């Protein structure tokens, strides 16, 4: 994928300030929803958006992904839990 193919992936949607890492503030402010299969996705990338995640759920999901507790999620960290369009079904 070149730069064009990367546009509009989950990471780009979550990294609002394009710093290369997703802060807790960025993550919690994103419109994350569950799709029909129960996977968490960004609202803009979801064909069948269901219930939105609560702020508390978003904090728990962020804590799950931020494995080293640095307070930021890099693309590498996100890729352990997500595909370009949404999160894998994980417990958080």
Protein backbone atom coordinates (compact mmCIF):
# COMPACT_ATOMS: atom_id res chain seq x y z
CA UNK A 1 0.00 0.00 0.00
CA UNK A 2 1.50 3.49 -0.70
CA UNK A 3 0.42 6.66 1.04
CA UNK A 4 -2.80 6.84 -0.95
CA UNK A 5 -3.85 3.34 0.09
CA UNK A 6 -3.24 4.25 3.72
CA UNK A 7 -5.72 7.11 3.69
CA UNK A 8 -8.84 6.54 5.71
CA UNK A 9 -7.71 3.45 7.61
CA UNK A 10 -8.64 2.98 11.23
CA UNK A 11 -5.27 4.31 12.39
CA UNK A 12 -5.59 7.51 10.32
CA UNK A 13 -9.12 8.07 11.62
CA UNK A 14 -7.99 7.68 15.23
CA UNK A 15 -4.77 9.72 14.90
CA UNK A 16 -6.59 13.03 14.54
CA UNK A 17 -3.51 15.26 14.81
CA UNK A 18 -1.43 13.01 12.51
CA UNK A 19 1.35 12.72 15.09
CA UNK A 20 1.92 9.04 14.36
CA UNK A 21 0.46 7.93 17.67
CA UNK A 22 -3.05 7.97 19.10
CA UNK A 23 -3.42 9.74 22.43
CA UNK A 24 -6.07 8.72 24.95
CA UNK A 25 -7.89 12.00 24.23
CA UNK A 26 -7.97 11.29 20.49
CA UNK A 27 -9.13 7.74 21.05
CA UNK A 28 -11.92 8.62 23.46
CA UNK A 29 -13.22 11.42 21.23
CA UNK A 30 -13.58 9.13 18.19
CA UNK A 31 -17.03 7.77 17.26
CA UNK A 32 -16.45 4.06 17.84
CA UNK A 33 -19.39 1.69 17.33
CA UNK A 34 -20.08 -2.02 17.32
CA UNK A 35 -21.11 -3.55 14.01
CA UNK A 36 -23.67 -6.31 13.53
CA UNK A 37 -21.07 -8.93 14.38
CA UNK A 38 -20.09 -7.15 17.59
CA UNK A 39 -16.73 -5.92 16.30
CA UNK A 40 -15.65 -2.43 17.29
CA UNK A 41 -15.22 -0.13 14.30
CA UNK A 42 -14.92 3.57 13.56
CA UNK A 43 -18.36 4.88 12.63
CA UNK A 44 -17.09 6.22 9.29
CA UNK A 45 -15.67 2.81 8.29
CA UNK A 46 -18.65 0.74 9.39
CA UNK A 47 -21.31 -0.37 6.91
CA UNK A 48 -23.79 -1.38 9.61
CA UNK A 49 -23.05 0.71 12.72
CA UNK A 50 -24.81 -0.40 15.86
CA UNK A 51 -24.44 0.79 19.43
CA UNK A 52 -21.82 3.43 20.12
CA UNK A 53 -19.17 2.67 22.72
CA UNK A 54 -19.45 4.61 25.96
CA UNK A 55 -16.58 6.78 27.13
CA UNK A 56 -15.86 4.16 29.81
CA UNK A 57 -15.69 1.40 27.19
CA UNK A 58 -13.34 3.49 25.06
CA UNK A 59 -11.04 4.02 28.06
CA UNK A 60 -11.02 0.27 28.73
CA UNK A 61 -10.29 -0.52 25.07
CA UNK A 62 -7.47 2.05 25.02
CA UNK A 63 -5.98 0.49 28.17
CA UNK A 64 -6.13 -2.95 26.52
CA UNK A 65 -4.33 -1.75 23.38
CA UNK A 66 -1.78 0.42 25.23
CA UNK A 67 0.08 -2.67 26.42
CA UNK A 68 3.14 -0.84 27.73
CA UNK A 69 1.05 1.89 29.38
CA UNK A 70 2.82 4.72 27.55
CA UNK A 71 -0.42 6.65 27.18
CA UNK A 72 -0.26 6.50 23.39
CA UNK A 73 -1.05 3.87 20.77
CA UNK A 74 1.31 3.53 17.83
CA UNK A 75 0.38 1.88 14.55
CA UNK A 76 2.33 -1.20 15.65
CA UNK A 77 0.34 -1.50 18.87
CA UNK A 78 -2.96 -0.95 17.08
CA UNK A 79 -2.11 -3.59 14.49
CA UNK A 80 -1.88 -6.22 17.22
CA UNK A 81 -5.57 -5.72 17.91
CA UNK A 82 -7.03 -4.42 14.69
CA UNK A 83 -7.21 -4.69 10.91
CA UNK A 84 -7.23 -1.51 8.79
CA UNK A 85 -11.03 -1.30 9.08
CA UNK A 86 -11.77 -2.32 12.66
CA UNK A 87 -10.78 -4.06 15.85
CA UNK A 88 -10.53 -7.79 16.24
CA UNK A 89 -13.13 -9.23 18.61
CA UNK A 90 -11.27 -8.65 21.89
CA UNK A 91 -12.42 -8.55 25.46
CA UNK A 92 -11.89 -5.23 27.21
